[in-house]
PDB file of all heavy atoms in Angstrom:
ATOM      1  N   LEU A   1      -0.016  -7.118   4.632  1.00  0.00           N
ATOM      2  CA  LEU A   1      -0.188  -6.575   3.305  1.00  0.00           C
ATOM      3  C   LEU A   1      -1.538  -6.921   2.716  1.00  0.00           C
ATOM      4  O   LEU A   1      -2.165  -6.089   2.029  1.00  0.00           O
ATOM      5  CB  LEU A   1       0.933  -7.061   2.375  1.00  0.00           C
ATOM      6  CG  LEU A   1       2.308  -6.488   2.696  1.00  0.00           C
ATOM      7  CD1 LEU A   1       3.402  -7.275   1.938  1.00  0.00           C
ATOM      8  CD2 LEU A   1       2.394  -5.020   2.329  1.00  0.00           C
ATOM      9  N   LEU A   2      -2.005  -8.117   2.980  1.00  0.00           N
ATOM     10  CA  LEU A   2      -3.344  -8.516   2.491  1.00  0.00           C
ATOM     11  C   LEU A   2      -4.430  -7.647   3.120  1.00  0.00           C
ATOM     12  O   LEU A   2      -5.383  -7.257   2.424  1.00  0.00           O
ATOM     13  CB  LEU A   2      -3.581 -10.002   2.792  1.00  0.00           C
ATOM     14  CG  LEU A   2      -4.895 -10.586   2.219  1.00  0.00           C
ATOM     15  CD1 LEU A   2      -4.967 -10.441   0.717  1.00  0.00           C
ATOM     16  CD2 LEU A   2      -5.023 -12.048   2.639  1.00  0.00           C
ATOM     17  N   ASN A   3      -4.294  -7.323   4.405  1.00  0.00           N
ATOM     18  CA  ASN A   3      -5.281  -6.456   5.062  1.00  0.00           C
ATOM     19  C   ASN A   3      -5.338  -5.101   4.371  1.00  0.00           C
ATOM     20  O   ASN A   3      -6.398  -4.511   4.183  1.00  0.00           O
ATOM     21  CB  ASN A   3      -4.918  -6.292   6.538  1.00  0.00           C
ATOM     22  CG  ASN A   3      -5.237  -7.518   7.365  1.00  0.00           C
ATOM     23  OD1 ASN A   3      -5.719  -8.519   6.859  1.00  0.00           O
ATOM     24  ND2 ASN A   3      -4.936  -7.443   8.636  1.00  0.00           N
ATOM     25  N   ILE A   4      -4.159  -4.543   4.029  1.00  0.00           N
ATOM     26  CA  ILE A   4      -4.119  -3.228   3.407  1.00  0.00           C
ATOM     27  C   ILE A   4      -4.692  -3.283   1.989  1.00  0.00           C
ATOM     28  O   ILE A   4      -5.483  -2.433   1.576  1.00  0.00           O
ATOM     29  CB  ILE A   4      -2.675  -2.687   3.365  1.00  0.00           C
ATOM     30  CG1 ILE A   4      -2.093  -2.560   4.760  1.00  0.00           C
ATOM     31  CG2 ILE A   4      -2.612  -1.344   2.657  1.00  0.00           C
ATOM     32  CD1 ILE A   4      -0.600  -2.229   4.814  1.00  0.00           C
ATOM     33  N   VAL A   5      -4.278  -4.307   1.225  1.00  0.00           N
ATOM     34  CA  VAL A   5      -4.760  -4.438  -0.153  1.00  0.00           C
ATOM     35  C   VAL A   5      -6.260  -4.687  -0.199  1.00  0.00           C
ATOM     36  O   VAL A   5      -6.981  -4.125  -1.021  1.00  0.00           O
ATOM     37  CB  VAL A   5      -3.969  -5.537  -0.902  1.00  0.00           C
ATOM     38  CG1 VAL A   5      -4.586  -5.759  -2.271  1.00  0.00           C
ATOM     39  CG2 VAL A   5      -2.528  -5.179  -1.013  1.00  0.00           C
ATOM     40  N   ARG A   6      -6.736  -5.532   0.744  1.00  0.00           N
ATOM     41  CA  ARG A   6      -8.169  -5.790   0.795  1.00  0.00           C
ATOM     42  C   ARG A   6      -8.931  -4.525   1.155  1.00  0.00           C
ATOM     43  O   ARG A   6     -10.013  -4.235   0.614  1.00  0.00           O
ATOM     44  CB  ARG A   6      -8.466  -6.896   1.807  1.00  0.00           C
ATOM     45  CG  ARG A   6      -9.964  -7.269   1.856  1.00  0.00           C
ATOM     46  CD  ARG A   6     -10.228  -8.376   2.858  1.00  0.00           C
ATOM     47  NE  ARG A   6      -9.737  -9.657   2.364  1.00  0.00           N
ATOM     48  CZ  ARG A   6      -8.879 -10.436   3.006  1.00  0.00           C
ATOM     49  NH1 ARG A   6      -8.354 -10.043   4.151  1.00  0.00           N
ATOM     50  NH2 ARG A   6      -8.497 -11.588   2.493  1.00  0.00           N
ATOM     51  N   ASN A   7      -8.372  -3.708   2.026  1.00  0.00           N
ATOM     52  CA  ASN A   7      -8.984  -2.433   2.409  1.00  0.00           C
ATOM     53  C   ASN A   7      -9.072  -1.511   1.167  1.00  0.00           C
ATOM     54  O   ASN A   7     -10.063  -0.828   0.951  1.00  0.00           O
ATOM     55  CB  ASN A   7      -8.166  -1.763   3.511  1.00  0.00           C
ATOM     56  CG  ASN A   7      -8.759  -0.479   3.975  1.00  0.00           C
ATOM     57  OD1 ASN A   7      -9.697  -0.425   4.763  1.00  0.00           O
ATOM     58  ND2 ASN A   7      -8.209   0.648   3.511  1.00  0.00           N
ATOM     59  N   ALA A   8      -7.974  -1.512   0.353  1.00  0.00           N
ATOM     60  CA  ALA A   8      -7.964  -0.694  -0.864  1.00  0.00           C
ATOM     61  C   ALA A   8      -9.030  -1.175  -1.851  1.00  0.00           C
ATOM     62  O   ALA A   8      -9.728  -0.376  -2.499  1.00  0.00           O
ATOM     63  CB  ALA A   8      -6.575  -0.740  -1.483  1.00  0.00           C
ATOM     64  N   TRP A   9      -9.154  -2.503  -2.003  1.00  0.00           N
ATOM     65  CA  TRP A   9     -10.150  -3.062  -2.918  1.00  0.00           C
ATOM     66  C   TRP A   9     -11.567  -2.690  -2.481  1.00  0.00           C
ATOM     67  O   TRP A   9     -12.395  -2.250  -3.282  1.00  0.00           O
ATOM     68  CB  TRP A   9      -9.997  -4.567  -2.986  1.00  0.00           C
ATOM     69  CG  TRP A   9     -11.206  -5.277  -3.533  1.00  0.00           C
ATOM     70  CD1 TRP A   9     -11.888  -4.946  -4.660  1.00  0.00           C
ATOM     71  CD2 TRP A   9     -11.878  -6.403  -2.952  1.00  0.00           C
ATOM     72  NE1 TRP A   9     -12.957  -5.822  -4.824  1.00  0.00           N
ATOM     73  CE2 TRP A   9     -12.965  -6.700  -3.810  1.00  0.00           C
ATOM     74  CE3 TRP A   9     -11.652  -7.154  -1.814  1.00  0.00           C
ATOM     75  CZ2 TRP A   9     -13.836  -7.771  -3.526  1.00  0.00           C
ATOM     76  CZ3 TRP A   9     -12.518  -8.203  -1.553  1.00  0.00           C
ATOM     77  CH2 TRP A   9     -13.609  -8.511  -2.388  1.00  0.00           C
ATOM     78  N   GLN A  10     -11.833  -2.813  -1.185  1.00  0.00           N
ATOM     79  CA  GLN A  10     -13.168  -2.492  -0.677  1.00  0.00           C
ATOM     80  C   GLN A  10     -13.469  -1.009  -0.844  1.00  0.00           C
ATOM     81  O   GLN A  10     -14.633  -0.596  -0.967  1.00  0.00           O
ATOM     82  CB  GLN A  10     -13.262  -2.935   0.794  1.00  0.00           C
ATOM     83  CG  GLN A  10     -13.260  -4.440   0.951  1.00  0.00           C
ATOM     84  CD  GLN A  10     -13.049  -4.848   2.415  1.00  0.00           C
ATOM     85  OE1 GLN A  10     -12.683  -4.062   3.281  1.00  0.00           O
ATOM     86  NE2 GLN A  10     -13.319  -6.147   2.681  1.00  0.00           N
ATOM     87  N   ALA A  11     -12.427  -0.154  -0.830  1.00  0.00           N
ATOM     88  CA  ALA A  11     -12.630   1.270  -0.957  1.00  0.00           C
ATOM     89  C   ALA A  11     -12.901   1.667  -2.432  1.00  0.00           C
ATOM     90  O   ALA A  11     -13.677   2.581  -2.681  1.00  0.00           O
ATOM     91  CB  ALA A  11     -11.432   2.027  -0.426  1.00  0.00           C
ATOM     92  N   THR A  12     -12.273   0.959  -3.367  1.00  0.00           N
ATOM     93  CA  THR A  12     -12.413   1.355  -4.774  1.00  0.00           C
ATOM     94  C   THR A  12     -13.705   0.865  -5.404  1.00  0.00           C
ATOM     95  O   THR A  12     -14.232   1.505  -6.306  1.00  0.00           O
ATOM     96  CB  THR A  12     -11.205   0.799  -5.600  1.00  0.00           C
ATOM     97  OG1 THR A  12     -11.131  -0.618  -5.432  1.00  0.00           O
ATOM     98  CG2 THR A  12      -9.908   1.444  -5.126  1.00  0.00           C
ATOM     99  N   GLY A  13     -14.205  -0.286  -4.962  1.00  0.00           N
ATOM    100  CA  GLY A  13     -15.423  -0.827  -5.574  1.00  0.00           C
ATOM    101  C   GLY A  13     -15.159  -1.375  -6.963  1.00  0.00           C
ATOM    102  O   GLY A  13     -14.045  -1.775  -7.318  1.00  0.00           O
ATOM    103  N   ALA A  14     -16.209  -1.379  -7.791  1.00  0.00           N
ATOM    104  CA  ALA A  14     -16.092  -1.935  -9.134  1.00  0.00           C
ATOM    105  C   ALA A  14     -15.146  -1.120  -9.996  1.00  0.00           C
ATOM    106  O   ALA A  14     -15.077   0.101  -9.891  1.00  0.00           O
ATOM    107  CB  ALA A  14     -17.476  -1.978  -9.787  1.00  0.00           C
ATOM    108  N   ARG A  15     -14.361  -1.822 -10.805  1.00  0.00           N
ATOM    109  CA  ARG A  15     -13.373  -1.199 -11.738  1.00  0.00           C
ATOM    110  C   ARG A  15     -12.355  -0.360 -11.037  1.00  0.00           C
ATOM    111  O   ARG A  15     -11.878   0.636 -11.566  1.00  0.00           O
ATOM    112  CB  ARG A  15     -14.122  -0.402 -12.813  1.00  0.00           C
ATOM    113  CG  ARG A  15     -14.995  -1.206 -13.759  1.00  0.00           C
ATOM    114  CD  ARG A  15     -15.496  -0.370 -14.893  1.00  0.00           C
ATOM    115  NE  ARG A  15     -16.362   0.686 -14.440  1.00  0.00           N
ATOM    116  CZ  ARG A  15     -17.649   0.566 -14.183  1.00  0.00           C
ATOM    117  NH1 ARG A  15     -18.218  -0.609 -14.316  1.00  0.00           N
ATOM    118  NH2 ARG A  15     -18.377   1.600 -13.776  1.00  0.00           N
ATOM    119  N   GLY A  16     -12.004  -0.776  -9.846  1.00  0.00           N
ATOM    120  CA  GLY A  16     -10.931  -0.072  -9.106  1.00  0.00           C
ATOM    121  C   GLY A  16      -9.567  -0.495  -9.618  1.00  0.00           C
ATOM    122  O   GLY A  16      -9.396  -1.540 -10.219  1.00  0.00           O
ATOM    123  N   GLU A  17      -8.586   0.347  -9.307  1.00  0.00           N
ATOM    124  CA  GLU A  17      -7.215   0.066  -9.686  1.00  0.00           C
ATOM    125  C   GLU A  17      -6.291   0.167  -8.459  1.00  0.00           C
ATOM    126  O   GLU A  17      -6.401   1.151  -7.699  1.00  0.00           O
ATOM    127  CB  GLU A  17      -6.725   1.000 -10.784  1.00  0.00           C
ATOM    128  CG  GLU A  17      -7.468   0.815 -12.108  1.00  0.00           C
ATOM    129  CD  GLU A  17      -6.802   1.599 -13.238  1.00  0.00           C
ATOM    130  OE1 GLU A  17      -5.679   2.099 -13.028  1.00  0.00           O
ATOM    131  OE2 GLU A  17      -7.431   1.720 -14.292  1.00  0.00           O
ATOM    132  N   ILE A  18      -5.408  -0.802  -8.301  1.00  0.00           N
ATOM    133  CA  ILE A  18      -4.480  -0.820  -7.191  1.00  0.00           C
ATOM    134  C   ILE A  18      -3.083  -0.987  -7.785  1.00  0.00           C
ATOM    135  O   ILE A  18      -2.875  -1.776  -8.706  1.00  0.00           O
ATOM    136  CB  ILE A  18      -4.791  -1.986  -6.220  1.00  0.00           C
ATOM    137  CG1 ILE A  18      -6.123  -1.756  -5.523  1.00  0.00           C
ATOM    138  CG2 ILE A  18      -3.674  -2.145  -5.179  1.00  0.00           C
ATOM    139  CD1 ILE A  18      -6.556  -2.925  -4.629  1.00  0.00           C
ATOM    140  N   THR A  19      -2.135  -0.258  -7.242  1.00  0.00           N
ATOM    141  CA  THR A  19      -0.737  -0.381  -7.658  1.00  0.00           C
ATOM    142  C   THR A  19       0.105  -0.817  -6.478  1.00  0.00           C
ATOM    143  O   THR A  19       0.019  -0.231  -5.403  1.00  0.00           O
ATOM    144  CB  THR A  19      -0.204   0.960  -8.224  1.00  0.00           C
ATOM    145  OG1 THR A  19      -0.975   1.344  -9.354  1.00  0.00           O
ATOM    146  CG2 THR A  19       1.271   0.815  -8.626  1.00  0.00           C
ATOM    147  N   LEU A  20       0.915  -1.852  -6.687  1.00  0.00           N
ATOM    148  CA  LEU A  20       1.866  -2.310  -5.700  1.00  0.00           C
ATOM    149  C   LEU A  20       3.256  -1.818  -6.111  1.00  0.00           C
ATOM    150  O   LEU A  20       3.725  -2.152  -7.211  1.00  0.00           O
ATOM    151  CB  LEU A  20       1.864  -3.841  -5.609  1.00  0.00           C
ATOM    152  CG  LEU A  20       0.495  -4.492  -5.350  1.00  0.00           C
ATOM    153  CD1 LEU A  20       0.644  -6.020  -5.328  1.00  0.00           C
ATOM    154  CD2 LEU A  20      -0.126  -4.013  -4.084  1.00  0.00           C
ATOM    155  N   ARG A  21       3.884  -1.013  -5.278  1.00  0.00           N
ATOM    156  CA  ARG A  21       5.152  -0.407  -5.639  1.00  0.00           C
ATOM    157  C   ARG A  21       6.188  -0.641  -4.547  1.00  0.00           C
ATOM    158  O   ARG A  21       5.878  -0.547  -3.363  1.00  0.00           O
ATOM    159  CB  ARG A  21       4.966   1.101  -5.866  1.00  0.00           C
ATOM    160  CG  ARG A  21       6.250   1.867  -6.181  1.00  0.00           C
ATOM    161  CD  ARG A  21       5.983   3.351  -6.184  1.00  0.00           C
ATOM    162  NE  ARG A  21       5.054   3.725  -7.232  1.00  0.00           N
ATOM    163  CZ  ARG A  21       4.350   4.856  -7.259  1.00  0.00           C
ATOM    164  NH1 ARG A  21       4.459   5.718  -6.263  1.00  0.00           N
ATOM    165  NH2 ARG A  21       3.543   5.115  -8.247  1.00  0.00           N
ATOM    166  N   THR A  22       7.423  -0.935  -4.934  1.00  0.00           N
ATOM    167  CA  THR A  22       8.510  -1.086  -3.962  1.00  0.00           C
ATOM    168  C   THR A  22       9.662  -0.189  -4.301  1.00  0.00           C
ATOM    169  O   THR A  22       9.961   0.043  -5.480  1.00  0.00           O
ATOM    170  CB  THR A  22       9.020  -2.557  -3.905  1.00  0.00           C
ATOM    171  OG1 THR A  22       9.523  -2.920  -5.202  1.00  0.00           O
ATOM    172  CG2 THR A  22       7.898  -3.522  -3.507  1.00  0.00           C
ATOM    173  N   ARG A  23      10.316   0.327  -3.267  1.00  0.00           N
ATOM    174  CA  ARG A  23      11.479   1.193  -3.446  1.00  0.00           C
ATOM    175  C   ARG A  23      12.405   0.996  -2.241  1.00  0.00           C
ATOM    176  O   ARG A  23      11.984   0.523  -1.174  1.00  0.00           O
ATOM    177  CB  ARG A  23      11.074   2.675  -3.528  1.00  0.00           C
ATOM    178  CG  ARG A  23      10.270   3.035  -4.771  1.00  0.00           C
ATOM    179  CD  ARG A  23      11.124   2.943  -6.016  1.00  0.00           C
ATOM    180  NE  ARG A  23      10.392   3.436  -7.203  1.00  0.00           N
ATOM    181  CZ  ARG A  23       9.648   2.651  -8.000  1.00  0.00           C
ATOM    182  NH1 ARG A  23       9.514   1.363  -7.734  1.00  0.00           N
ATOM    183  NH2 ARG A  23       9.062   3.162  -9.068  1.00  0.00           N
ATOM    184  N   VAL A  24      13.650   1.418  -2.404  1.00  0.00           N
ATOM    185  CA  VAL A  24      14.615   1.453  -1.299  1.00  0.00           C
ATOM    186  C   VAL A  24      14.678   2.906  -0.781  1.00  0.00           C
ATOM    187  O   VAL A  24      14.741   3.856  -1.584  1.00  0.00           O
ATOM    188  CB  VAL A  24      16.008   1.021  -1.762  1.00  0.00           C
ATOM    189  CG1 VAL A  24      17.030   1.209  -0.615  1.00  0.00           C
ATOM    190  CG2 VAL A  24      15.996  -0.432  -2.173  1.00  0.00           C
ATOM    191  N   ARG A  25      14.630   3.053   0.528  1.00  0.00           N
ATOM    192  CA  ARG A  25      14.814   4.388   1.132  1.00  0.00           C
ATOM    193  C   ARG A  25      16.093   4.341   1.970  1.00  0.00           C
ATOM    194  O   ARG A  25      16.351   3.368   2.661  1.00  0.00           O
ATOM    195  CB  ARG A  25      13.614   4.760   1.999  1.00  0.00           C
ATOM    196  CG  ARG A  25      12.332   4.877   1.224  1.00  0.00           C
ATOM    197  CD  ARG A  25      11.290   5.663   1.954  1.00  0.00           C
ATOM    198  NE  ARG A  25      10.025   5.724   1.261  1.00  0.00           N
ATOM    199  CZ  ARG A  25       8.967   6.449   1.639  1.00  0.00           C
ATOM    200  NH1 ARG A  25       9.059   7.153   2.750  1.00  0.00           N
ATOM    201  NH2 ARG A  25       7.851   6.457   0.940  1.00  0.00           N
ATOM    202  N   ARG A  26      16.843   5.406   1.872  1.00  0.00           N
ATOM    203  CA  ARG A  26      18.129   5.486   2.558  1.00  0.00           C
ATOM    204  C   ARG A  26      18.041   6.439   3.727  1.00  0.00           C
ATOM    205  O   ARG A  26      17.349   7.441   3.689  1.00  0.00           O
ATOM    206  CB  ARG A  26      19.233   5.910   1.583  1.00  0.00           C
ATOM    207  CG  ARG A  26      19.369   5.016   0.393  1.00  0.00           C
ATOM    208  CD  ARG A  26      20.470   5.493  -0.534  1.00  0.00           C
ATOM    209  NE  ARG A  26      20.515   4.726  -1.772  1.00  0.00           N
ATOM    210  CZ  ARG A  26      21.128   3.562  -1.933  1.00  0.00           C
ATOM    211  NH1 ARG A  26      21.743   3.014  -0.871  1.00  0.00           N
ATOM    212  NH2 ARG A  26      21.123   2.914  -3.073  1.00  0.00           N
ATOM    213  N   GLN A  27      18.805   6.093   4.770  1.00  0.00           N
ATOM    214  CA  GLN A  27      18.873   6.956   5.993  1.00  0.00           C
ATOM    215  C   GLN A  27      17.488   7.315   6.482  1.00  0.00           C
ATOM    216  O   GLN A  27      17.120   8.462   6.603  1.00  0.00           O
ATOM    217  CB  GLN A  27      19.697   8.220   5.676  1.00  0.00           C
ATOM    218  CG  GLN A  27      21.076   7.960   5.125  1.00  0.00           C
ATOM    219  CD  GLN A  27      21.984   7.183   6.104  1.00  0.00           C
ATOM    220  OE1 GLN A  27      21.669   7.063   7.279  1.00  0.00           O
ATOM    221  NE2 GLN A  27      23.088   6.660   5.577  1.00  0.00           N
ATOM    222  N   TYR A  28      16.696   6.287   6.784  1.00  0.00           N
ATOM    223  CA  TYR A  28      15.291   6.483   7.166  1.00  0.00           C
ATOM    224  C   TYR A  28      15.164   6.305   8.667  1.00  0.00           C
ATOM    225  O   TYR A  28      15.718   5.351   9.241  1.00  0.00           O
ATOM    226  CB  TYR A  28      14.393   5.507   6.427  1.00  0.00           C
ATOM    227  CG  TYR A  28      12.946   5.934   6.398  1.00  0.00           C
ATOM    228  CD1 TYR A  28      12.471   6.702   5.322  1.00  0.00           C
ATOM    229  CD2 TYR A  28      12.083   5.585   7.415  1.00  0.00           C
ATOM    230  CE1 TYR A  28      11.138   7.116   5.289  1.00  0.00           C
ATOM    231  CE2 TYR A  28      10.760   5.987   7.375  1.00  0.00           C
ATOM    232  CZ  TYR A  28      10.304   6.736   6.304  1.00  0.00           C
ATOM    233  OH  TYR A  28       8.976   7.140   6.279  1.00  0.00           O
ATOM    234  N   THR A  29      14.414   7.211   9.310  1.00  0.00           N
ATOM    235  CA  THR A  29      14.228   7.154  10.763  1.00  0.00           C
ATOM    236  C   THR A  29      12.925   6.491  11.120  1.00  0.00           C
ATOM    237  O   THR A  29      11.842   6.911  10.629  1.00  0.00           O
ATOM    238  CB  THR A  29      14.261   8.587  11.337  1.00  0.00           C
ATOM    239  OG1 THR A  29      15.517   9.210  11.021  1.00  0.00           O
ATOM    240  CG2 THR A  29      14.103   8.535  12.875  1.00  0.00           C
ATOM    241  N   LEU A  30      12.989   5.479  11.974  1.00  0.00           N
ATOM    242  CA  LEU A  30      11.814   4.731  12.439  1.00  0.00           C
ATOM    243  C   LEU A  30      11.886   4.584  13.952  1.00  0.00           C
ATOM    244  O   LEU A  30      12.888   4.072  14.479  1.00  0.00           O
ATOM    245  CB  LEU A  30      11.750   3.340  11.780  1.00  0.00           C
ATOM    246  CG  LEU A  30      11.317   3.268  10.330  1.00  0.00           C
ATOM    247  CD1 LEU A  30      11.645   1.892   9.765  1.00  0.00           C
ATOM    248  CD2 LEU A  30       9.829   3.565  10.169  1.00  0.00           C
ATOM    249  N   GLY A  31      10.905   5.082  14.645  1.00  0.00           N
ATOM    250  CA  GLY A  31      10.887   4.909  16.106  1.00  0.00           C
ATOM    251  C   GLY A  31      12.083   5.506  16.761  1.00  0.00           C
ATOM    252  O   GLY A  31      12.560   4.966  17.764  1.00  0.00           O
ATOM    253  N   GLY A  32      12.586   6.626  16.262  1.00  0.00           N
ATOM    254  CA  GLY A  32      13.761   7.276  16.850  1.00  0.00           C
ATOM    255  C   GLY A  32      15.064   6.639  16.478  1.00  0.00           C
ATOM    256  O   GLY A  32      16.137   7.102  16.917  1.00  0.00           O
TER     257      GLY A  32
END
């Protein structure tokens, strides 16, 4: 997660905004 957030920060530059959001997903398919 830190790698992703750091990547977002480096992409936005000065005065960037990042949102961390969590949700539950039901009946989700992963890797078959």
